[in-house]
Amino acid sequence: MKIKDMQKLLDAKVVCCEENIERQVYSACGCDLMSDVLAYVKDQAVLLTGLVNPQVIRTAEMMDMICIVFVRSKTPSDEIIQMAKEHGIVIMCTEKRLYEACGILYSNGLIGSATKAQS
C-alpha cells in the first residue's frame, strides 16, 4: 500500500514530507508506548500513535519507519515537524481513534508482524 492510499483511507492530513507519499509500505503498528515499539516492533514502516512528543520521531528514526500517523486529531509541534523533515518521515494526522485507524488499514491489506508471546 502506498502512503497516499493510507491518507485517503484514514481521511488524514499530510503535515510534512508530502513528497514521500508515493512510497510503498507493507506493515504498520499502533502503539503509544515507545518502549514497546523499541522492544517488540520489527520491520514496520508506519507507526500510528496518539503520543505527540519528540520521542516518537526518535523512535521511528531508530526503527527505520517512514511514516507516522497521529490519531485522535493530535497535532505535532513545530519541533516534531522539523525533526521529521530532517529524517524524511511523513507525518499525517487523522481524527480517527487508534483502534479504528489500525482496523481500517488492516482490513485494507496492511499487516502487522507476528510476535512471540511473552511468558
PDB file of N, CA and C in Angstrom:
ATOM      1  N   MET A   1       0.851  -1.171   0.000  1.00  0.00           N
ATOM      2  CA  MET A   1       0.000   0.000   0.000  1.00  0.00           C
ATOM      3  C   MET A   1       0.900   1.238   0.000  1.00  0.00           C
ATOM      4  N   LYS A   2       0.509   2.223  -0.745  1.00  0.00           N
ATOM      5  CA  LYS A   2       1.259   3.475  -0.742  1.00  0.00           C
ATOM      6  C   LYS A   2       0.770   4.373   0.389  1.00  0.00           C
ATOM      7  N   ILE A   3       1.649   5.246   0.846  1.00  0.00           N
ATOM      8  CA  ILE A   3       1.283   6.170   1.924  1.00  0.00           C
ATOM      9  C   ILE A   3       0.086   7.015   1.503  1.00  0.00           C
ATOM     10  N   LYS A   4       0.026   7.399   0.241  1.00  0.00           N
ATOM     11  CA  LYS A   4      -1.106   8.214  -0.217  1.00  0.00           C
ATOM     12  C   LYS A   4      -2.420   7.447  -0.110  1.00  0.00           C
ATOM     13  N   ASP A   5      -2.384   6.115  -0.250  1.00  0.00           N
ATOM     14  CA  ASP A   5      -3.587   5.303  -0.072  1.00  0.00           C
ATOM     15  C   ASP A   5      -4.018   5.296   1.394  1.00  0.00           C
ATOM     16  N   MET A   6      -3.031   5.230   2.292  1.00  0.00           N
ATOM     17  CA  MET A   6      -3.337   5.317   3.721  1.00  0.00           C
ATOM     18  C   MET A   6      -3.996   6.648   4.037  1.00  0.00           C
ATOM     19  N   GLN A   7      -3.466   7.705   3.451  1.00  0.00           N
ATOM     20  CA  GLN A   7      -4.016   9.044   3.683  1.00  0.00           C
ATOM     21  C   GLN A   7      -5.497   9.081   3.327  1.00  0.00           C
ATOM     22  N   LYS A   8      -5.841   8.527   2.187  1.00  0.00           N
ATOM     23  CA  LYS A   8      -7.241   8.519   1.754  1.00  0.00           C
ATOM     24  C   LYS A   8      -8.099   7.661   2.676  1.00  0.00           C
ATOM     25  N   LEU A   9      -7.614   6.480   3.013  1.00  0.00           N
ATOM     26  CA  LEU A   9      -8.385   5.575   3.868  1.00  0.00           C
ATOM     27  C   LEU A   9      -8.660   6.179   5.239  1.00  0.00           C
ATOM     28  N   LEU A  10      -7.686   6.911   5.766  1.00  0.00           N
ATOM     29  CA  LEU A  10      -7.813   7.486   7.106  1.00  0.00           C
ATOM     30  C   LEU A  10      -8.338   8.919   7.080  1.00  0.00           C
ATOM     31  N   ASP A  11      -8.612   9.429   5.900  1.00  0.00           N
ATOM     32  CA  ASP A  11      -9.033  10.821   5.753  1.00  0.00           C
ATOM     33  C   ASP A  11      -8.067  11.718   6.536  1.00  0.00           C
ATOM     34  N   ALA A  12      -6.781  11.497   6.289  1.00  0.00           N
ATOM     35  CA  ALA A  12      -5.717  12.152   7.056  1.00  0.00           C
ATOM     36  C   ALA A  12      -5.157  13.356   6.316  1.00  0.00           C
ATOM     37  N   LYS A  13      -4.607  14.258   7.089  1.00  0.00           N
ATOM     38  CA  LYS A  13      -3.940  15.441   6.552  1.00  0.00           C
ATOM     39  C   LYS A  13      -2.432  15.198   6.605  1.00  0.00           C
ATOM     40  N   VAL A  14      -1.744  15.427   5.503  1.00  0.00           N
ATOM     41  CA  VAL A  14      -0.286  15.310   5.480  1.00  0.00           C
ATOM     42  C   VAL A  14       0.289  16.600   6.043  1.00  0.00           C
ATOM     43  N   VAL A  15       1.116  16.461   7.080  1.00  0.00           N
ATOM     44  CA  VAL A  15       1.703  17.615   7.765  1.00  0.00           C
ATOM     45  C   VAL A  15       3.090  17.931   7.224  1.00  0.00           C
ATOM     46  N   CYS A  16       3.856  16.910   6.883  1.00  0.00           N
ATOM     47  CA  CYS A  16       5.181  17.157   6.309  1.00  0.00           C
ATOM     48  C   CYS A  16       5.637  15.984   5.465  1.00  0.00           C
ATOM     49  N   CYS A  17       6.622  16.269   4.635  1.00  0.00           N
ATOM     50  CA  CYS A  17       7.262  15.294   3.745  1.00  0.00           C
ATOM     51  C   CYS A  17       6.290  14.685   2.738  1.00  0.00           C
ATOM     52  N   GLU A  18       5.382  15.525   2.238  1.00  0.00           N
ATOM     53  CA  GLU A  18       4.390  15.084   1.261  1.00  0.00           C
ATOM     54  C   GLU A  18       5.051  14.505   0.005  1.00  0.00           C
ATOM     55  N   GLU A  19       6.272  14.929  -0.258  1.00  0.00           N
ATOM     56  CA  GLU A  19       6.977  14.414  -1.431  1.00  0.00           C
ATOM     57  C   GLU A  19       7.246  12.914  -1.336  1.00  0.00           C
ATOM     58  N   ASN A  20       7.072  12.331  -0.153  1.00  0.00           N
ATOM     59  CA  ASN A  20       7.330  10.900   0.046  1.00  0.00           C
ATOM     60  C   ASN A  20       6.066  10.048   0.104  1.00  0.00           C
ATOM     61  N   ILE A  21       4.897  10.609  -0.212  1.00  0.00           N
ATOM     62  CA  ILE A  21       3.667   9.829  -0.049  1.00  0.00           C
ATOM     63  C   ILE A  21       3.466   8.761  -1.122  1.00  0.00           C
ATOM     64  N   GLU A  22       4.320   8.742  -2.120  1.00  0.00           N
ATOM     65  CA  GLU A  22       4.255   7.679  -3.131  1.00  0.00           C
ATOM     66  C   GLU A  22       4.998   6.418  -2.667  1.00  0.00           C
ATOM     67  N   ARG A  23       5.677   6.506  -1.536  1.00  0.00           N
ATOM     68  CA  ARG A  23       6.449   5.351  -1.050  1.00  0.00           C
ATOM     69  C   ARG A  23       5.519   4.216  -0.644  1.00  0.00           C
ATOM     70  N   GLN A  24       5.980   3.025  -0.874  1.00  0.00           N
ATOM     71  CA  GLN A  24       5.228   1.815  -0.574  1.00  0.00           C
ATOM     72  C   GLN A  24       5.510   1.365   0.862  1.00  0.00           C
ATOM     73  N   VAL A  25       4.471   0.951   1.570  1.00  0.00           N
ATOM     74  CA  VAL A  25       4.628   0.384   2.905  1.00  0.00           C
ATOM     75  C   VAL A  25       3.929  -0.973   2.944  1.00  0.00           C
ATOM     76  N   TYR A  26       4.460  -1.869   3.763  1.00  0.00           N
ATOM     77  CA  TYR A  26       3.939  -3.232   3.799  1.00  0.00           C
ATOM     78  C   TYR A  26       3.411  -3.632   5.173  1.00  0.00           C
ATOM     79  N   SER A  27       3.721  -2.842   6.188  1.00  0.00           N
ATOM     80  CA  SER A  27       3.269  -3.203   7.532  1.00  0.00           C
ATOM     81  C   SER A  27       3.217  -1.961   8.409  1.00  0.00           C
ATOM     82  N   ALA A  28       2.481  -2.091   9.515  1.00  0.00           N
ATOM     83  CA  ALA A  28       2.303  -0.966  10.419  1.00  0.00           C
ATOM     84  C   ALA A  28       2.093  -1.476  11.834  1.00  0.00           C
ATOM     85  N   CYS A  29       2.211  -0.558  12.792  1.00  0.00           N
ATOM     86  CA  CYS A  29       1.895  -0.890  14.176  1.00  0.00           C
ATOM     87  C   CYS A  29       1.217   0.308  14.823  1.00  0.00           C
ATOM     88  N   GLY A  30       0.390   0.034  15.802  1.00  0.00           N
ATOM     89  CA  GLY A  30      -0.273   1.078  16.557  1.00  0.00           C
ATOM     90  C   GLY A  30       0.140   0.967  18.011  1.00  0.00           C
ATOM     91  N   CYS A  31       0.703   2.035  18.570  1.00  0.00           N
ATOM     92  CA  CYS A  31       1.212   1.965  19.934  1.00  0.00           C
ATOM     93  C   CYS A  31       1.464   3.366  20.481  1.00  0.00           C
ATOM     94  N   ASP A  32       1.198   3.542  21.775  1.00  0.00           N
ATOM     95  CA  ASP A  32       1.515   4.804  22.440  1.00  0.00           C
ATOM     96  C   ASP A  32       2.739   4.686  23.340  1.00  0.00           C
ATOM     97  N   LEU A  33       3.205   3.480  23.579  1.00  0.00           N
ATOM     98  CA  LEU A  33       4.382   3.271  24.424  1.00  0.00           C
ATOM     99  C   LEU A  33       5.605   3.050  23.544  1.00  0.00           C
ATOM    100  N   MET A  34       6.465   4.044  23.473  1.00  0.00           N
ATOM    101  CA  MET A  34       7.630   3.931  22.596  1.00  0.00           C
ATOM    102  C   MET A  34       8.577   2.825  23.058  1.00  0.00           C
ATOM    103  N   SER A  35       8.581   2.513  24.346  1.00  0.00           N
ATOM    104  CA  SER A  35       9.409   1.402  24.816  1.00  0.00           C
ATOM    105  C   SER A  35       8.912   0.079  24.225  1.00  0.00           C
ATOM    106  N   ASP A  36       7.604  -0.072  24.064  1.00  0.00           N
ATOM    107  CA  ASP A  36       7.076  -1.274  23.421  1.00  0.00           C
ATOM    108  C   ASP A  36       7.424  -1.304  21.942  1.00  0.00           C
ATOM    109  N   VAL A  37       7.390  -0.166  21.288  1.00  0.00           N
ATOM    110  CA  VAL A  37       7.783  -0.111  19.883  1.00  0.00           C
ATOM    111  C   VAL A  37       9.226  -0.586  19.744  1.00  0.00           C
ATOM    112  N   LEU A  38      10.094  -0.090  20.591  1.00  0.00           N
ATOM    113  CA  LEU A  38      11.504  -0.486  20.527  1.00  0.00           C
ATOM    114  C   LEU A  38      11.699  -1.966  20.852  1.00  0.00           C
ATOM    115  N   ALA A  39      10.913  -2.500  21.788  1.00  0.00           N
ATOM    116  CA  ALA A  39      11.094  -3.877  22.231  1.00  0.00           C
ATOM    117  C   ALA A  39      10.450  -4.914  21.308  1.00  0.00           C
ATOM    118  N   TYR A  40       9.304  -4.584  20.735  1.00  0.00           N
ATOM    119  CA  TYR A  40       8.530  -5.615  20.041  1.00  0.00           C
ATOM    120  C   TYR A  40       8.311  -5.396  18.561  1.00  0.00           C
ATOM    121  N   VAL A  41       8.517  -4.214  18.079  1.00  0.00           N
ATOM    122  CA  VAL A  41       8.202  -3.920  16.684  1.00  0.00           C
ATOM    123  C   VAL A  41       9.419  -4.201  15.809  1.00  0.00           C
ATOM    124  N   LYS A  42       9.192  -4.968  14.780  1.00  0.00           N
ATOM    125  CA  LYS A  42      10.251  -5.284  13.821  1.00  0.00           C
ATOM    126  C   LYS A  42       9.708  -5.079  12.417  1.00  0.00           C
ATOM    127  N   ASP A  43      10.422  -4.368  11.605  1.00  0.00           N
ATOM    128  CA  ASP A  43      10.126  -4.216  10.180  1.00  0.00           C
ATOM    129  C   ASP A  43       8.775  -3.564   9.885  1.00  0.00           C
ATOM    130  N   GLN A  44       8.342  -2.635  10.710  1.00  0.00           N
ATOM    131  CA  GLN A  44       7.144  -1.876  10.388  1.00  0.00           C
ATOM    132  C   GLN A  44       7.565  -0.541   9.794  1.00  0.00           C
ATOM    133  N   ALA A  45       6.871  -0.117   8.767  1.00  0.00           N
ATOM    134  CA  ALA A  45       7.208   1.134   8.109  1.00  0.00           C
ATOM    135  C   ALA A  45       6.379   2.294   8.628  1.00  0.00           C
ATOM    136  N   VAL A  46       5.242   1.980   9.281  1.00  0.00           N
ATOM    137  CA  VAL A  46       4.305   3.011   9.709  1.00  0.00           C
ATOM    138  C   VAL A  46       4.014   2.846  11.200  1.00  0.00           C
ATOM    139  N   LEU A  47       4.023   3.968  11.908  1.00  0.00           N
ATOM    140  CA  LEU A  47       3.658   3.987  13.323  1.00  0.00           C
ATOM    141  C   LEU A  47       2.411   4.839  13.475  1.00  0.00           C
ATOM    142  N   LEU A  48       1.373   4.266  14.064  1.00  0.00           N
ATOM    143  CA  LEU A  48       0.168   5.012  14.411  1.00  0.00           C
ATOM    144  C   LEU A  48       0.185   5.212  15.911  1.00  0.00           C
ATOM    145  N   THR A  49      -0.009   6.450  16.356  1.00  0.00           N
ATOM    146  CA  THR A  49       0.096   6.740  17.778  1.00  0.00           C
ATOM    147  C   THR A  49      -0.691   7.990  18.156  1.00  0.00           C
ATOM    148  N   GLY A  50      -1.048   8.058  19.414  1.00  0.00           N
ATOM    149  CA  GLY A  50      -1.662   9.256  19.961  1.00  0.00           C
ATOM    150  C   GLY A  50      -0.677  10.054  20.795  1.00  0.00           C
ATOM    151  N   LEU A  51       0.531   9.552  20.913  1.00  0.00           N
ATOM    152  CA  LEU A  51       1.574  10.226  21.688  1.00  0.00           C
ATOM    153  C   LEU A  51       2.237  11.283  20.806  1.00  0.00           C
ATOM    154  N   VAL A  52       2.229  12.502  21.266  1.00  0.00           N
ATOM    155  CA  VAL A  52       2.796  13.600  20.475  1.00  0.00           C
ATOM    156  C   VAL A  52       3.944  14.226  21.249  1.00  0.00           C
ATOM    157  N   ASN A  53       5.143  13.680  21.040  1.00  0.00           N
ATOM    158  CA  ASN A  53       6.352  14.279  21.606  1.00  0.00           C
ATOM    159  C   ASN A  53       7.549  13.882  20.745  1.00  0.00           C
ATOM    160  N   PRO A  54       8.673  14.557  20.908  1.00  0.00           N
ATOM    161  CA  PRO A  54       9.838  14.279  20.056  1.00  0.00           C
ATOM    162  C   PRO A  54      10.330  12.835  20.119  1.00  0.00           C
ATOM    163  N   GLN A  55      10.053  12.134  21.203  1.00  0.00           N
ATOM    164  CA  GLN A  55      10.499  10.748  21.323  1.00  0.00           C
ATOM    165  C   GLN A  55       9.891   9.863  20.232  1.00  0.00           C
ATOM    166  N   VAL A  56       8.723  10.221  19.763  1.00  0.00           N
ATOM    167  CA  VAL A  56       8.078   9.455  18.687  1.00  0.00           C
ATOM    168  C   VAL A  56       8.941   9.505  17.427  1.00  0.00           C
ATOM    169  N   ILE A  57       9.443  10.674  17.093  1.00  0.00           N
ATOM    170  CA  ILE A  57      10.296  10.807  15.907  1.00  0.00           C
ATOM    171  C   ILE A  57      11.600  10.050  16.114  1.00  0.00           C
ATOM    172  N   ARG A  58      12.187  10.191  17.286  1.00  0.00           N
ATOM    173  CA  ARG A  58      13.444   9.472  17.571  1.00  0.00           C
ATOM    174  C   ARG A  58      13.250   7.965  17.451  1.00  0.00           C
ATOM    175  N   THR A  59      12.142   7.469  17.974  1.00  0.00           N
ATOM    176  CA  THR A  59      11.851   6.035  17.910  1.00  0.00           C
ATOM    177  C   THR A  59      11.644   5.596  16.464  1.00  0.00           C
ATOM    178  N   ALA A  60      10.855   6.341  15.722  1.00  0.00           N
ATOM    179  CA  ALA A  60      10.606   5.998  14.324  1.00  0.00           C
ATOM    180  C   ALA A  60      11.902   5.987  13.525  1.00  0.00           C
ATOM    181  N   GLU A  61      12.749   6.953  13.782  1.00  0.00           N
ATOM    182  CA  GLU A  61      14.028   7.023  13.072  1.00  0.00           C
ATOM    183  C   GLU A  61      14.907   5.818  13.419  1.00  0.00           C
ATOM    184  N   MET A  62      14.949   5.446  14.681  1.00  0.00           N
ATOM    185  CA  MET A  62      15.743   4.283  15.096  1.00  0.00           C
ATOM    186  C   MET A  62      15.235   2.983  14.474  1.00  0.00           C
ATOM    187  N   MET A  63      13.926   2.920  14.250  1.00  0.00           N
ATOM    188  CA  MET A  63      13.313   1.704  13.732  1.00  0.00           C
ATOM    189  C   MET A  63      13.119   1.741  12.214  1.00  0.00           C
ATOM    190  N   ASP A  64      13.712   2.748  11.552  1.00  0.00           N
ATOM    191  CA  ASP A  64      13.637   2.888  10.095  1.00  0.00           C
ATOM    192  C   ASP A  64      12.204   3.001   9.574  1.00  0.00           C
ATOM    193  N   MET A  65      11.344   3.646  10.338  1.00  0.00           N
ATOM    194  CA  MET A  65       9.965   3.872   9.894  1.00  0.00           C
ATOM    195  C   MET A  65       9.938   5.086   8.977  1.00  0.00           C
ATOM    196  N   ILE A  66       9.028   5.064   8.021  1.00  0.00           N
ATOM    197  CA  ILE A  66       8.981   6.154   7.047  1.00  0.00           C
ATOM    198  C   ILE A  66       7.724   7.012   7.161  1.00  0.00           C
ATOM    199  N   CYS A  67       6.811   6.638   8.068  1.00  0.00           N
ATOM    200  CA  CYS A  67       5.575   7.390   8.206  1.00  0.00           C
ATOM    201  C   CYS A  67       5.037   7.273   9.632  1.00  0.00           C
ATOM    202  N   ILE A  68       4.538   8.385  10.155  1.00  0.00           N
ATOM    203  CA  ILE A  68       3.868   8.409  11.459  1.00  0.00           C
ATOM    204  C   ILE A  68       2.488   9.006  11.256  1.00  0.00           C
ATOM    205  N   VAL A  69       1.496   8.334  11.805  1.00  0.00           N
ATOM    206  CA  VAL A  69       0.133   8.844  11.764  1.00  0.00           C
ATOM    207  C   VAL A  69      -0.285   9.163  13.195  1.00  0.00           C
ATOM    208  N   PHE A  70      -0.538  10.432  13.455  1.00  0.00           N
ATOM    209  CA  PHE A  70      -1.052  10.841  14.768  1.00  0.00           C
ATOM    210  C   PHE A  70      -2.574  10.748  14.725  1.00  0.00           C
ATOM    211  N   VAL A  71      -3.122  10.031  15.677  1.00  0.00           N
ATOM    212  CA  VAL A  71      -4.561   9.780  15.727  1.00  0.00           C
ATOM    213  C   VAL A  71      -5.251  10.737  16.704  1.00  0.00           C
ATOM    214  N   ARG A  72      -6.577  10.642  16.764  1.00  0.00           N
ATOM    215  CA  ARG A  72      -7.397  11.428  17.690  1.00  0.00           C
ATOM    216  C   ARG A  72      -7.165  12.936  17.534  1.00  0.00           C
ATOM    217  N   SER A  73      -6.965  13.380  16.302  1.00  0.00           N
ATOM    218  CA  SER A  73      -6.781  14.804  15.993  1.00  0.00           C
ATOM    219  C   SER A  73      -5.596  15.436  16.709  1.00  0.00           C
ATOM    220  N   LYS A  74      -4.622  14.641  17.098  1.00  0.00           N
ATOM    221  CA  LYS A  74      -3.418  15.175  17.743  1.00  0.00           C
ATOM    222  C   LYS A  74      -2.613  15.950  16.706  1.00  0.00           C
ATOM    223  N   THR A  75      -2.036  17.056  17.135  1.00  0.00           N
ATOM    224  CA  THR A  75      -1.263  17.914  16.236  1.00  0.00           C
ATOM    225  C   THR A  75       0.172  18.014  16.732  1.00  0.00           C
ATOM    226  N   PRO A  76       1.141  17.651  15.889  1.00  0.00           N
ATOM    227  CA  PRO A  76       2.544  17.737  16.300  1.00  0.00           C
ATOM    228  C   PRO A  76       3.033  19.182  16.371  1.00  0.00           C
ATOM    229  N   SER A  77       3.978  19.417  17.259  1.00  0.00           N
ATOM    230  CA  SER A  77       4.576  20.746  17.405  1.00  0.00           C
ATOM    231  C   SER A  77       5.517  21.032  16.230  1.00  0.00           C
ATOM    232  N   ASP A  78       5.919  22.275  16.117  1.00  0.00           N
ATOM    233  CA  ASP A  78       6.891  22.660  15.082  1.00  0.00           C
ATOM    234  C   ASP A  78       8.196  21.883  15.253  1.00  0.00           C
ATOM    235  N   GLU A  79       8.599  21.643  16.487  1.00  0.00           N
ATOM    236  CA  GLU A  79       9.825  20.877  16.755  1.00  0.00           C
ATOM    237  C   GLU A  79       9.714  19.462  16.191  1.00  0.00           C
ATOM    238  N   ILE A  80       8.587  18.822  16.410  1.00  0.00           N
ATOM    239  CA  ILE A  80       8.383  17.456  15.912  1.00  0.00           C
ATOM    240  C   ILE A  80       8.378  17.454  14.384  1.00  0.00           C
ATOM    241  N   ILE A  81       7.703  18.417  13.794  1.00  0.00           N
ATOM    242  CA  ILE A  81       7.646  18.507  12.334  1.00  0.00           C
ATOM    243  C   ILE A  81       9.043  18.708  11.754  1.00  0.00           C
ATOM    244  N   GLN A  82       9.829  19.575  12.371  1.00  0.00           N
ATOM    245  CA  GLN A  82      11.192  19.815  11.889  1.00  0.00           C
ATOM    246  C   GLN A  82      12.046  18.551  11.994  1.00  0.00           C
ATOM    247  N   MET A  83      11.918  17.835  13.098  1.00  0.00           N
ATOM    248  CA  MET A  83      12.667  16.579  13.258  1.00  0.00           C
ATOM    249  C   MET A  83      12.281  15.578  12.174  1.00  0.00           C
ATOM    250  N   ALA A  84      10.992  15.471  11.893  1.00  0.00           N
ATOM    251  CA  ALA A  84      10.517  14.539  10.860  1.00  0.00           C
ATOM    252  C   ALA A  84      11.066  14.931   9.494  1.00  0.00           C
ATOM    253  N   LYS A  85      11.075  16.224   9.197  1.00  0.00           N
ATOM    254  CA  LYS A  85      11.609  16.702   7.919  1.00  0.00           C
ATOM    255  C   LYS A  85      13.073  16.326   7.759  1.00  0.00           C
ATOM    256  N   GLU A  86      13.834  16.449   8.838  1.00  0.00           N
ATOM    257  CA  GLU A  86      15.265  16.118   8.793  1.00  0.00           C
ATOM    258  C   GLU A  86      15.508  14.659   8.437  1.00  0.00           C
ATOM    259  N   HIS A  87      14.555  13.794   8.767  1.00  0.00           N
ATOM    260  CA  HIS A  87      14.710  12.357   8.507  1.00  0.00           C
ATOM    261  C   HIS A  87      13.825  11.866   7.364  1.00  0.00           C
ATOM    262  N   GLY A  88      13.072  12.771   6.725  1.00  0.00           N
ATOM    263  CA  GLY A  88      12.213  12.389   5.613  1.00  0.00           C
ATOM    264  C   GLY A  88      11.025  11.528   6.015  1.00  0.00           C
ATOM    265  N   ILE A  89      10.588  11.660   7.263  1.00  0.00           N
ATOM    266  CA  ILE A  89       9.469  10.860   7.770  1.00  0.00           C
ATOM    267  C   ILE A  89       8.163  11.604   7.505  1.00  0.00           C
ATOM    268  N   VAL A  90       7.271  10.961   6.781  1.00  0.00           N
ATOM    269  CA  VAL A  90       5.964  11.547   6.508  1.00  0.00           C
ATOM    270  C   VAL A  90       5.161  11.588   7.813  1.00  0.00           C
ATOM    271  N   ILE A  91       4.550  12.724   8.084  1.00  0.00           N
ATOM    272  CA  ILE A  91       3.652  12.841   9.238  1.00  0.00           C
ATOM    273  C   ILE A  91       2.261  13.150   8.721  1.00  0.00           C
ATOM    274  N   MET A  92       1.305  12.373   9.227  1.00  0.00           N
ATOM    275  CA  MET A  92      -0.096  12.608   8.907  1.00  0.00           C
ATOM    276  C   MET A  92      -0.892  12.677  10.203  1.00  0.00           C
ATOM    277  N   CYS A  93      -2.036  13.352  10.154  1.00  0.00           N
ATOM    278  CA  CYS A  93      -2.937  13.444  11.299  1.00  0.00           C
ATOM    279  C   CYS A  93      -4.337  13.036  10.857  1.00  0.00           C
ATOM    280  N   THR A  94      -4.995  12.255  11.702  1.00  0.00           N
ATOM    281  CA  THR A  94      -6.360  11.832  11.421  1.00  0.00           C
ATOM    282  C   THR A  94      -7.228  12.024  12.665  1.00  0.00           C
ATOM    283  N   GLU A  95      -8.502  12.211  12.449  1.00  0.00           N
ATOM    284  CA  GLU A  95      -9.438  12.320  13.559  1.00  0.00           C
ATOM    285  C   GLU A  95      -9.769  10.955  14.149  1.00  0.00           C
ATOM    286  N   LYS A  96      -9.484   9.902  13.416  1.00  0.00           N
ATOM    287  CA  LYS A  96      -9.845   8.554  13.855  1.00  0.00           C
ATOM    288  C   LYS A  96      -9.064   8.154  15.103  1.00  0.00           C
ATOM    289  N   ARG A  97      -9.684   7.291  15.890  1.00  0.00           N
ATOM    290  CA  ARG A  97      -9.009   6.745  17.068  1.00  0.00           C
ATOM    291  C   ARG A  97      -8.029   5.659  16.629  1.00  0.00           C
ATOM    292  N   LEU A  98      -7.095   5.326  17.485  1.00  0.00           N
ATOM    293  CA  LEU A  98      -6.048   4.357  17.156  1.00  0.00           C
ATOM    294  C   LEU A  98      -6.631   3.017  16.708  1.00  0.00           C
ATOM    295  N   TYR A  99      -7.583   2.496  17.465  1.00  0.00           N
ATOM    296  CA  TYR A  99      -8.181   1.196  17.153  1.00  0.00           C
ATOM    297  C   TYR A  99      -8.837   1.217  15.768  1.00  0.00           C
ATOM    298  N   GLU A 100      -9.602   2.256  15.505  1.00  0.00           N
ATOM    299  CA  GLU A 100     -10.295   2.369  14.233  1.00  0.00           C
ATOM    300  C   GLU A 100      -9.308   2.513  13.076  1.00  0.00           C
ATOM    301  N   ALA A 101      -8.308   3.376  13.245  1.00  0.00           N
ATOM    302  CA  ALA A 101      -7.317   3.595  12.187  1.00  0.00           C
ATOM    303  C   ALA A 101      -6.560   2.312  11.860  1.00  0.00           C
ATOM    304  N   CYS A 102      -6.135   1.595  12.888  1.00  0.00           N
ATOM    305  CA  CYS A 102      -5.433   0.323  12.659  1.00  0.00           C
ATOM    306  C   CYS A 102      -6.341  -0.680  11.959  1.00  0.00           C
ATOM    307  N   GLY A 103      -7.603  -0.737  12.380  1.00  0.00           N
ATOM    308  CA  GLY A 103      -8.552  -1.663  11.767  1.00  0.00           C
ATOM    309  C   GLY A 103      -8.790  -1.365  10.298  1.00  0.00           C
ATOM    310  N   ILE A 104      -8.904  -0.097   9.968  1.00  0.00           N
ATOM    311  CA  ILE A 104      -9.109   0.295   8.568  1.00  0.00           C
ATOM    312  C   ILE A 104      -7.915  -0.129   7.721  1.00  0.00           C
ATOM    313  N   LEU A 105      -6.724   0.146   8.194  1.00  0.00           N
ATOM    314  CA  LEU A 105      -5.532  -0.212   7.420  1.00  0.00           C
ATOM    315  C   LEU A 105      -5.376  -1.724   7.309  1.00  0.00           C
ATOM    316  N   TYR A 106      -5.625  -2.435   8.402  1.00  0.00           N
ATOM    317  CA  TYR A 106      -5.506  -3.893   8.387  1.00  0.00           C
ATOM    318  C   TYR A 106      -6.522  -4.514   7.425  1.00  0.00           C
ATOM    319  N   SER A 107      -7.765  -4.045   7.477  1.00  0.00           N
ATOM    320  CA  SER A 107      -8.804  -4.614   6.620  1.00  0.00           C
ATOM    321  C   SER A 107      -8.586  -4.281   5.147  1.00  0.00           C
ATOM    322  N   ASN A 108      -7.714  -3.327   4.881  1.00  0.00           N
ATOM    323  CA  ASN A 108      -7.371  -2.991   3.510  1.00  0.00           C
ATOM    324  C   ASN A 108      -6.024  -3.547   3.088  1.00  0.00           C
ATOM    325  N   GLY A 109      -5.485  -4.486   3.844  1.00  0.00           N
ATOM    326  CA  GLY A 109      -4.304  -5.229   3.421  1.00  0.00           C
ATOM    327  C   GLY A 109      -2.988  -4.868   4.061  1.00  0.00           C
ATOM    328  N   LEU A 110      -2.951  -3.853   4.922  1.00  0.00           N
ATOM    329  CA  LEU A 110      -1.692  -3.509   5.584  1.00  0.00           C
ATOM    330  C   LEU A 110      -1.583  -4.342   6.856  1.00  0.00           C
ATOM    331  N   ILE A 111      -0.539  -5.134   6.942  1.00  0.00           N
ATOM    332  CA  ILE A 111      -0.422  -6.094   8.054  1.00  0.00           C
ATOM    333  C   ILE A 111       0.453  -5.579   9.179  1.00  0.00           C
ATOM    334  N   GLY A 112       0.420  -6.280  10.275  1.00  0.00           N
ATOM    335  CA  GLY A 112       1.380  -6.101  11.369  1.00  0.00           C
ATOM    336  C   GLY A 112       2.363  -7.238  11.267  1.00  0.00           C
ATOM    337  N   SER A 113       3.111  -7.487  12.309  1.00  0.00           N
ATOM    338  CA  SER A 113       4.010  -8.633  12.291  1.00  0.00           C
ATOM    339  C   SER A 113       3.696  -9.524  13.465  1.00  0.00           C
ATOM    340  N   ALA A 114       3.973 -10.787  13.328  1.00  0.00           N
ATOM    341  CA  ALA A 114       3.751 -11.732  14.403  1.00  0.00           C
ATOM    342  C   ALA A 114       4.821 -11.555  15.472  1.00  0.00           C
ATOM    343  N   THR A 115       4.404 -11.626  16.713  1.00  0.00           N
ATOM    344  CA  THR A 115       5.361 -11.574  17.813  1.00  0.00           C
ATOM    345  C   THR A 115       5.156 -12.794  18.686  1.00  0.00           C
ATOM    346  N   LYS A 116       6.208 -13.249  19.321  1.00  0.00           N
ATOM    347  CA  LYS A 116       6.093 -14.375  20.227  1.00  0.00           C
ATOM    348  C   LYS A 116       5.460 -13.915  21.532  1.00  0.00           C
ATOM    349  N   ALA A 117       4.622 -14.737  22.080  1.00  0.00           N
ATOM    350  CA  ALA A 117       4.002 -14.417  23.362  1.00  0.00           C
ATOM    351  C   ALA A 117       5.068 -14.459  24.458  1.00  0.00           C
ATOM    352  N   GLN A 118       4.991 -13.505  25.346  1.00  0.00           N
ATOM    353  CA  GLN A 118       5.919 -13.454  26.483  1.00  0.00           C
ATOM    354  C   GLN A 118       5.361 -14.265  27.627  1.00  0.00           C
ATOM    355  N   SER A 119       6.169 -15.087  28.247  1.00  0.00           N
ATOM    356  CA  SER A 119       5.687 -15.873  29.378  1.00  0.00           C
ATOM    357  C   SER A 119       6.162 -15.320  30.685  1.00  0.00           C
TER     358      SER A 119
END
